[in-house]
């Protein structure tokens, strides 16, 4: 069984930006011990000769051939945009001051 003290729990909580009370800290400590014990049990499994399984489904992307073509006219693109400013497409501001 893995041993985790309250200092380690507090460090993990701090890194995760969590504020834990004493009761929560004890509960989280018990959960972390369970998780680490499970990981430790997985680490002891013999996987020699077992091929890695990255994805159980044989999927592939249906991609079209990448062929050069003439671009759409700027006027046509600007007419499709919900808002424009001069020869540009206007979009809402996404970054605030000091970002």
Protein backbone atom coordinates (compact mmCIF):
# COMPACT_ATOMS: atom_id res chain seq x y z
CA UNK A 1 0.00 0.00 0.00
CA UNK A 2 1.32 3.44 -0.90
CA UNK A 3 1.68 5.97 1.85
CA UNK A 4 0.81 9.59 1.20
CA UNK A 5 0.98 12.17 3.94
CA UNK A 6 -1.06 15.35 4.22
CA UNK A 7 1.90 17.43 3.02
CA UNK A 8 1.90 15.56 -0.31
CA UNK A 9 -1.88 15.94 -0.60
CA UNK A 10 -1.60 19.66 0.08
CA UNK A 11 1.15 19.97 -2.55
CA UNK A 12 -0.98 18.18 -5.17
CA UNK A 13 -4.01 20.28 -4.22
CA UNK A 14 -1.94 23.45 -4.53
CA UNK A 15 -0.69 22.43 -7.98
CA UNK A 16 -4.30 21.73 -9.01
CA UNK A 17 -5.38 25.08 -7.53
CA UNK A 18 -7.71 23.33 -5.08
CA UNK A 19 -8.49 24.54 -1.58
CA UNK A 20 -9.13 21.54 0.65
CA UNK A 21 -10.39 21.50 4.20
CA UNK A 22 -9.13 18.90 6.69
CA UNK A 23 -11.98 16.45 5.98
CA UNK A 24 -11.59 16.82 2.22
CA UNK A 25 -7.82 16.43 2.51
CA UNK A 26 -8.22 13.09 4.30
CA UNK A 27 -10.74 11.89 1.71
CA UNK A 28 -8.47 12.94 -1.16
CA UNK A 29 -5.50 11.25 0.54
CA UNK A 30 -7.43 7.96 0.71
CA UNK A 31 -8.45 8.30 -2.95
CA UNK A 32 -4.87 9.03 -4.02
CA UNK A 33 -3.65 5.95 -2.13
CA UNK A 34 -6.23 3.83 -4.00
CA UNK A 35 -5.18 5.29 -7.36
CA UNK A 36 -1.48 4.78 -6.71
CA UNK A 37 -2.08 1.21 -5.49
CA UNK A 38 -4.00 0.49 -8.68
CA UNK A 39 -1.24 1.98 -10.85
CA UNK A 40 1.30 -0.09 -8.92
CA UNK A 41 -0.73 -3.25 -9.59
CA UNK A 42 -0.86 -2.37 -13.30
CA UNK A 43 2.90 -1.86 -13.35
CA UNK A 44 3.40 -5.43 -12.11
CA UNK A 45 1.43 -7.01 -14.99
CA UNK A 46 3.60 -9.02 -17.41
CA UNK A 47 3.00 -7.60 -20.89
CA UNK A 48 5.94 -9.16 -22.69
CA UNK A 49 4.94 -10.19 -26.19
CA UNK A 50 1.71 -8.18 -26.12
CA UNK A 51 1.39 -5.74 -28.98
CA UNK A 52 0.27 -2.22 -28.01
CA UNK A 53 -3.33 -1.41 -28.87
CA UNK A 54 -3.48 2.25 -29.78
CA UNK A 55 -7.03 2.13 -31.10
CA UNK A 56 -9.38 -0.86 -31.20
CA UNK A 57 -11.12 0.43 -34.33
CA UNK A 58 -9.61 0.37 -37.78
CA UNK A 59 -10.60 3.89 -38.78
CA UNK A 60 -9.08 6.12 -41.39
CA UNK A 61 -9.79 9.63 -42.53
CA UNK A 62 -11.58 10.08 -45.83
CA UNK A 63 -9.47 12.86 -47.27
CA UNK A 64 -9.83 14.41 -50.68
CA UNK A 65 -6.88 14.85 -52.95
CA UNK A 66 -5.08 18.10 -52.21
CA UNK A 67 -5.10 19.86 -55.55
CA UNK A 68 -4.46 23.53 -56.18
CA UNK A 69 -7.40 25.59 -57.36
CA UNK A 70 -8.29 29.22 -57.87
CA UNK A 71 -9.16 31.05 -54.63
CA UNK A 72 -12.60 32.55 -54.08
CA UNK A 73 -12.84 36.22 -55.01
CA UNK A 74 -12.39 38.55 -52.03
CA UNK A 75 -15.71 40.31 -52.70
CA UNK A 76 -17.56 36.98 -52.58
CA UNK A 77 -15.96 36.06 -49.25
CA UNK A 78 -16.71 39.48 -47.75
CA UNK A 79 -20.34 39.19 -48.86
CA UNK A 80 -20.61 35.88 -46.96
CA UNK A 81 -19.21 37.36 -43.73
CA UNK A 82 -21.70 38.52 -41.07
CA UNK A 83 -19.70 41.73 -40.47
CA UNK A 84 -16.91 43.49 -42.34
CA UNK A 85 -14.71 46.52 -41.89
CA UNK A 86 -13.16 47.88 -45.08
CA UNK A 87 -11.63 44.82 -46.80
CA UNK A 88 -11.53 42.72 -43.62
CA UNK A 89 -13.89 40.33 -41.86
CA UNK A 90 -14.88 41.80 -38.48
CA UNK A 91 -14.90 39.39 -35.53
CA UNK A 92 -15.60 39.89 -31.82
CA UNK A 93 -12.67 40.75 -29.59
CA UNK A 94 -11.40 37.60 -27.84
CA UNK A 95 -8.55 38.93 -25.71
CA UNK A 96 -8.99 41.50 -22.98
CA UNK A 97 -6.68 44.24 -21.87
CA UNK A 98 -3.27 43.02 -20.74
CA UNK A 99 -3.68 39.54 -22.29
